[in-house]
N, C-alpha and C. Protein backbone atom coordinates (compact mmCIF):
# COMPACT_ATOMS: atom_id res chain seq x y z
N UNK A 1 40.38 -49.32 7.99
CA UNK A 1 41.38 -48.58 7.26
C UNK A 1 41.23 -48.79 5.75
N UNK A 2 40.96 -50.06 5.36
CA UNK A 2 40.79 -50.34 3.94
C UNK A 2 39.57 -49.62 3.38
N UNK A 3 38.50 -49.52 4.18
CA UNK A 3 37.29 -48.84 3.74
C UNK A 3 37.57 -47.35 3.52
N UNK A 4 38.33 -46.77 4.42
CA UNK A 4 38.67 -45.35 4.31
C UNK A 4 39.51 -45.10 3.06
N UNK A 5 40.48 -45.97 2.80
CA UNK A 5 41.32 -45.84 1.61
C UNK A 5 40.47 -45.99 0.34
N UNK A 6 39.59 -46.98 0.33
CA UNK A 6 38.73 -47.20 -0.84
C UNK A 6 37.82 -45.99 -1.07
N UNK A 7 37.28 -45.43 0.01
CA UNK A 7 36.42 -44.25 -0.11
C UNK A 7 37.21 -43.07 -0.69
N UNK A 8 38.44 -42.89 -0.25
CA UNK A 8 39.28 -41.80 -0.76
C UNK A 8 39.56 -41.98 -2.25
N UNK A 9 39.84 -43.20 -2.67
CA UNK A 9 40.12 -43.49 -4.08
C UNK A 9 38.88 -43.24 -4.93
N UNK A 10 37.74 -43.72 -4.49
CA UNK A 10 36.49 -43.54 -5.23
C UNK A 10 36.15 -42.06 -5.33
N UNK A 11 36.31 -41.32 -4.25
CA UNK A 11 36.02 -39.88 -4.26
C UNK A 11 36.92 -39.15 -5.24
N UNK A 12 38.20 -39.49 -5.24
CA UNK A 12 39.14 -38.86 -6.16
C UNK A 12 38.78 -39.16 -7.60
N UNK A 13 38.43 -40.40 -7.90
CA UNK A 13 38.06 -40.78 -9.26
C UNK A 13 36.82 -40.01 -9.71
N UNK A 14 35.85 -39.88 -8.83
CA UNK A 14 34.63 -39.15 -9.19
C UNK A 14 34.91 -37.68 -9.45
N UNK A 15 35.72 -37.07 -8.63
CA UNK A 15 36.04 -35.66 -8.81
C UNK A 15 36.80 -35.45 -10.11
N UNK A 16 37.79 -36.29 -10.37
CA UNK A 16 38.58 -36.16 -11.59
C UNK A 16 37.74 -36.43 -12.82
N UNK A 17 36.88 -37.45 -12.77
CA UNK A 17 36.08 -37.76 -13.95
C UNK A 17 35.07 -36.65 -14.24
N UNK A 18 34.50 -36.05 -13.22
CA UNK A 18 33.56 -34.95 -13.44
C UNK A 18 34.29 -33.73 -13.99
N UNK A 19 35.43 -33.45 -13.45
CA UNK A 19 36.22 -32.31 -13.91
C UNK A 19 36.64 -32.49 -15.36
N UNK A 20 37.06 -33.68 -15.74
CA UNK A 20 37.48 -33.93 -17.11
C UNK A 20 36.35 -33.70 -18.10
N UNK A 21 35.14 -34.10 -17.74
CA UNK A 21 34.00 -33.91 -18.63
C UNK A 21 33.74 -32.44 -18.85
N UNK A 22 33.84 -31.63 -17.80
CA UNK A 22 33.60 -30.20 -17.93
C UNK A 22 34.64 -29.56 -18.84
N UNK A 23 35.89 -29.91 -18.67
CA UNK A 23 36.95 -29.35 -19.49
C UNK A 23 36.76 -29.76 -20.95
N UNK A 24 36.44 -31.03 -21.17
CA UNK A 24 36.24 -31.51 -22.53
C UNK A 24 35.10 -30.76 -23.20
N UNK A 25 34.04 -30.50 -22.46
CA UNK A 25 32.91 -29.78 -23.03
C UNK A 25 33.30 -28.37 -23.42
N UNK A 26 34.05 -27.68 -22.57
CA UNK A 26 34.47 -26.32 -22.87
C UNK A 26 35.39 -26.31 -24.09
N UNK A 27 36.32 -27.26 -24.16
CA UNK A 27 37.23 -27.31 -25.29
C UNK A 27 36.48 -27.64 -26.58
N UNK A 28 35.49 -28.49 -26.50
CA UNK A 28 34.71 -28.85 -27.68
C UNK A 28 34.01 -27.62 -28.24
N UNK A 29 33.47 -26.79 -27.36
CA UNK A 29 32.79 -25.59 -27.83
C UNK A 29 33.76 -24.66 -28.56
N UNK A 30 34.96 -24.48 -28.03
CA UNK A 30 35.90 -23.58 -28.69
C UNK A 30 36.44 -24.19 -29.98
N UNK A 31 36.46 -25.52 -30.06
CA UNK A 31 36.97 -26.17 -31.25
C UNK A 31 35.96 -26.11 -32.39
N UNK A 32 34.71 -26.32 -32.08
CA UNK A 32 33.72 -26.47 -33.14
C UNK A 32 33.13 -25.15 -33.61
N UNK A 33 33.22 -24.10 -32.81
CA UNK A 33 32.59 -22.84 -33.18
C UNK A 33 33.66 -21.81 -33.47
N UNK A 34 33.77 -21.41 -34.73
CA UNK A 34 34.66 -20.33 -35.12
C UNK A 34 33.83 -19.07 -35.13
N UNK A 35 34.08 -18.21 -34.18
CA UNK A 35 33.26 -17.03 -33.99
C UNK A 35 33.72 -15.91 -34.92
N UNK A 36 32.83 -15.43 -35.73
CA UNK A 36 33.11 -14.26 -36.54
C UNK A 36 32.82 -13.04 -35.69
N UNK A 37 33.72 -12.09 -35.70
CA UNK A 37 33.52 -10.91 -34.87
C UNK A 37 33.40 -9.67 -35.74
N UNK A 38 32.74 -8.67 -35.20
CA UNK A 38 32.57 -7.42 -35.94
C UNK A 38 33.88 -6.64 -35.94
N UNK A 39 33.98 -5.69 -36.84
CA UNK A 39 35.16 -4.83 -36.90
C UNK A 39 35.30 -4.02 -35.61
N UNK A 40 34.19 -3.65 -35.02
CA UNK A 40 34.21 -2.88 -33.77
C UNK A 40 34.79 -3.74 -32.64
N UNK A 41 34.30 -4.98 -32.50
CA UNK A 41 34.81 -5.88 -31.45
C UNK A 41 36.29 -6.19 -31.68
N UNK A 42 36.68 -6.38 -32.94
CA UNK A 42 38.08 -6.63 -33.26
C UNK A 42 38.94 -5.45 -32.81
N UNK A 43 38.49 -4.24 -33.14
CA UNK A 43 39.24 -3.04 -32.77
C UNK A 43 39.29 -2.88 -31.24
N UNK A 44 38.19 -3.19 -30.57
CA UNK A 44 38.18 -3.09 -29.11
C UNK A 44 39.14 -4.11 -28.49
N UNK A 45 39.15 -5.32 -29.02
CA UNK A 45 40.07 -6.35 -28.53
C UNK A 45 41.52 -5.96 -28.77
N UNK A 46 41.78 -5.37 -29.92
CA UNK A 46 43.14 -4.91 -30.25
C UNK A 46 43.56 -3.80 -29.30
N UNK A 47 42.68 -2.84 -29.07
CA UNK A 47 42.99 -1.74 -28.15
C UNK A 47 43.23 -2.26 -26.73
N UNK A 48 42.38 -3.19 -26.30
CA UNK A 48 42.56 -3.76 -24.97
C UNK A 48 43.90 -4.49 -24.87
N UNK A 49 44.22 -5.27 -25.89
CA UNK A 49 45.50 -5.97 -25.86
C UNK A 49 46.64 -4.97 -25.75
N UNK A 50 46.61 -3.95 -26.59
CA UNK A 50 47.71 -2.99 -26.60
C UNK A 50 47.81 -2.22 -25.28
N UNK A 51 46.68 -1.86 -24.68
CA UNK A 51 46.71 -1.06 -23.45
C UNK A 51 46.94 -1.90 -22.19
N UNK A 52 46.44 -3.12 -22.16
CA UNK A 52 46.55 -3.94 -20.96
C UNK A 52 47.69 -4.96 -21.06
N UNK A 53 47.68 -5.75 -22.11
CA UNK A 53 48.67 -6.83 -22.25
C UNK A 53 50.00 -6.29 -22.77
N UNK A 54 49.91 -5.30 -23.65
CA UNK A 54 51.09 -4.74 -24.28
C UNK A 54 51.99 -3.97 -23.33
N UNK A 55 51.52 -3.73 -22.11
CA UNK A 55 52.38 -3.09 -21.11
C UNK A 55 53.57 -3.97 -20.77
N UNK A 56 53.35 -5.29 -20.81
CA UNK A 56 54.40 -6.23 -20.40
C UNK A 56 55.07 -6.94 -21.57
N UNK A 57 54.35 -7.15 -22.67
CA UNK A 57 54.95 -7.89 -23.78
C UNK A 57 54.24 -7.60 -25.09
N UNK A 58 54.93 -7.93 -26.17
CA UNK A 58 54.34 -7.82 -27.50
C UNK A 58 53.39 -9.00 -27.71
N UNK A 59 52.57 -8.86 -28.73
CA UNK A 59 51.66 -9.95 -29.09
C UNK A 59 52.49 -11.10 -29.66
N UNK A 60 52.39 -12.28 -29.03
CA UNK A 60 53.06 -13.43 -29.64
C UNK A 60 52.41 -13.72 -30.98
N UNK A 61 53.02 -14.51 -31.80
CA UNK A 61 52.44 -14.83 -33.10
C UNK A 61 51.12 -15.58 -32.87
N UNK A 62 50.00 -14.87 -33.02
CA UNK A 62 48.71 -15.48 -32.67
C UNK A 62 48.37 -16.73 -33.47
N UNK A 63 48.83 -16.80 -34.70
CA UNK A 63 48.48 -17.94 -35.53
C UNK A 63 49.28 -19.20 -35.16
N UNK A 64 50.27 -19.07 -34.29
CA UNK A 64 51.04 -20.24 -33.86
C UNK A 64 50.30 -21.04 -32.80
N UNK A 65 49.22 -20.47 -32.26
CA UNK A 65 48.46 -21.14 -31.22
C UNK A 65 47.05 -21.42 -31.72
N UNK A 66 46.54 -22.58 -31.33
CA UNK A 66 45.16 -22.93 -31.68
C UNK A 66 44.21 -22.15 -30.77
N UNK A 67 42.94 -22.14 -31.14
CA UNK A 67 41.93 -21.49 -30.31
C UNK A 67 41.89 -22.12 -28.92
N UNK A 68 42.08 -23.44 -28.84
CA UNK A 68 42.08 -24.12 -27.55
C UNK A 68 43.26 -23.67 -26.70
N UNK A 69 44.42 -23.52 -27.33
CA UNK A 69 45.61 -23.08 -26.60
C UNK A 69 45.41 -21.65 -26.08
N UNK A 70 44.76 -20.81 -26.89
CA UNK A 70 44.50 -19.44 -26.46
C UNK A 70 43.58 -19.38 -25.24
N UNK A 71 42.69 -20.37 -25.10
CA UNK A 71 41.82 -20.42 -23.91
C UNK A 71 42.70 -20.49 -22.67
N UNK A 72 43.66 -21.40 -22.66
CA UNK A 72 44.56 -21.55 -21.52
C UNK A 72 45.42 -20.32 -21.29
N UNK A 73 45.92 -19.75 -22.37
CA UNK A 73 46.74 -18.54 -22.26
C UNK A 73 45.92 -17.42 -21.65
N UNK A 74 44.71 -17.23 -22.13
CA UNK A 74 43.87 -16.16 -21.62
C UNK A 74 43.50 -16.38 -20.16
N UNK A 75 43.24 -17.62 -19.79
CA UNK A 75 42.90 -17.90 -18.38
C UNK A 75 44.05 -17.55 -17.46
N UNK A 76 45.27 -17.76 -17.91
CA UNK A 76 46.41 -17.46 -17.04
C UNK A 76 46.80 -15.98 -17.09
N UNK A 77 46.59 -15.33 -18.22
CA UNK A 77 47.06 -13.95 -18.37
C UNK A 77 46.02 -12.88 -18.03
N UNK A 78 44.75 -13.17 -18.19
CA UNK A 78 43.70 -12.17 -17.95
C UNK A 78 43.75 -11.58 -16.54
N UNK A 79 43.94 -12.40 -15.50
CA UNK A 79 44.03 -11.80 -14.16
C UNK A 79 45.23 -10.87 -14.01
N UNK A 80 46.35 -11.22 -14.64
CA UNK A 80 47.55 -10.38 -14.56
C UNK A 80 47.32 -9.03 -15.24
N UNK A 81 46.54 -9.05 -16.33
CA UNK A 81 46.25 -7.82 -17.07
C UNK A 81 45.03 -7.09 -16.50
N UNK A 82 44.43 -7.69 -15.47
CA UNK A 82 43.23 -7.13 -14.83
C UNK A 82 42.09 -6.94 -15.83
N UNK A 83 41.87 -7.99 -16.63
CA UNK A 83 40.77 -7.99 -17.59
C UNK A 83 39.55 -8.64 -16.95
N UNK A 84 38.39 -8.01 -17.12
CA UNK A 84 37.17 -8.67 -16.67
C UNK A 84 36.76 -9.68 -17.75
N UNK A 85 35.67 -10.38 -17.53
CA UNK A 85 35.27 -11.44 -18.45
C UNK A 85 34.99 -10.91 -19.86
N UNK A 86 34.29 -9.79 -19.96
CA UNK A 86 33.97 -9.22 -21.27
C UNK A 86 35.25 -8.78 -22.00
N UNK A 87 36.15 -8.14 -21.27
CA UNK A 87 37.41 -7.70 -21.88
C UNK A 87 38.24 -8.90 -22.31
N UNK A 88 38.27 -9.92 -21.48
CA UNK A 88 39.02 -11.12 -21.81
C UNK A 88 38.47 -11.76 -23.09
N UNK A 89 37.15 -11.77 -23.23
CA UNK A 89 36.52 -12.32 -24.44
C UNK A 89 36.91 -11.50 -25.66
N UNK A 90 36.91 -10.18 -25.53
CA UNK A 90 37.29 -9.33 -26.66
C UNK A 90 38.73 -9.57 -27.08
N UNK A 91 39.63 -9.70 -26.10
CA UNK A 91 41.04 -9.97 -26.43
C UNK A 91 41.18 -11.35 -27.06
N UNK A 92 40.48 -12.33 -26.50
CA UNK A 92 40.50 -13.69 -27.07
C UNK A 92 40.02 -13.67 -28.53
N UNK A 93 38.90 -12.98 -28.77
CA UNK A 93 38.37 -12.89 -30.13
C UNK A 93 39.36 -12.19 -31.05
N UNK A 94 40.04 -11.19 -30.54
CA UNK A 94 41.05 -10.48 -31.34
C UNK A 94 42.19 -11.42 -31.75
N UNK A 95 42.77 -12.13 -30.77
CA UNK A 95 43.93 -12.97 -31.10
C UNK A 95 43.54 -14.18 -31.93
N UNK A 96 42.34 -14.71 -31.77
CA UNK A 96 41.95 -15.88 -32.55
C UNK A 96 41.45 -15.50 -33.94
N UNK A 97 41.21 -14.22 -34.18
CA UNK A 97 40.82 -13.73 -35.51
C UNK A 97 41.85 -12.76 -36.05
N UNK A 98 43.07 -12.83 -35.54
CA UNK A 98 44.13 -11.89 -35.87
C UNK A 98 44.35 -11.76 -37.38
N UNK A 99 44.46 -10.52 -37.81
CA UNK A 99 44.74 -10.21 -39.22
C UNK A 99 46.00 -9.34 -39.24
N UNK A 100 46.93 -9.69 -40.08
CA UNK A 100 48.17 -8.91 -40.16
C UNK A 100 47.92 -7.56 -40.79
């Protein structure tokens, strides 16, 4: 019984530690790289936001959230808005480069 419990604990630690490294790597990339986008991509992201996301709500104040926070927001909201990966990236680029 003790061996089974120890195996379960070790397995959980390994899974959590591997998962944490992956998340940290993804967050590091979004933190260190400020992506400049073209006017066309900005306009496409804006149009996508207005047509897909804007059906349910207005754009929250984009500058109140960090690029890292927008990653989480986009991951939770993109499926609801039925955005594919490319569309989600365009909307993300739009909100993280938002210009009034």
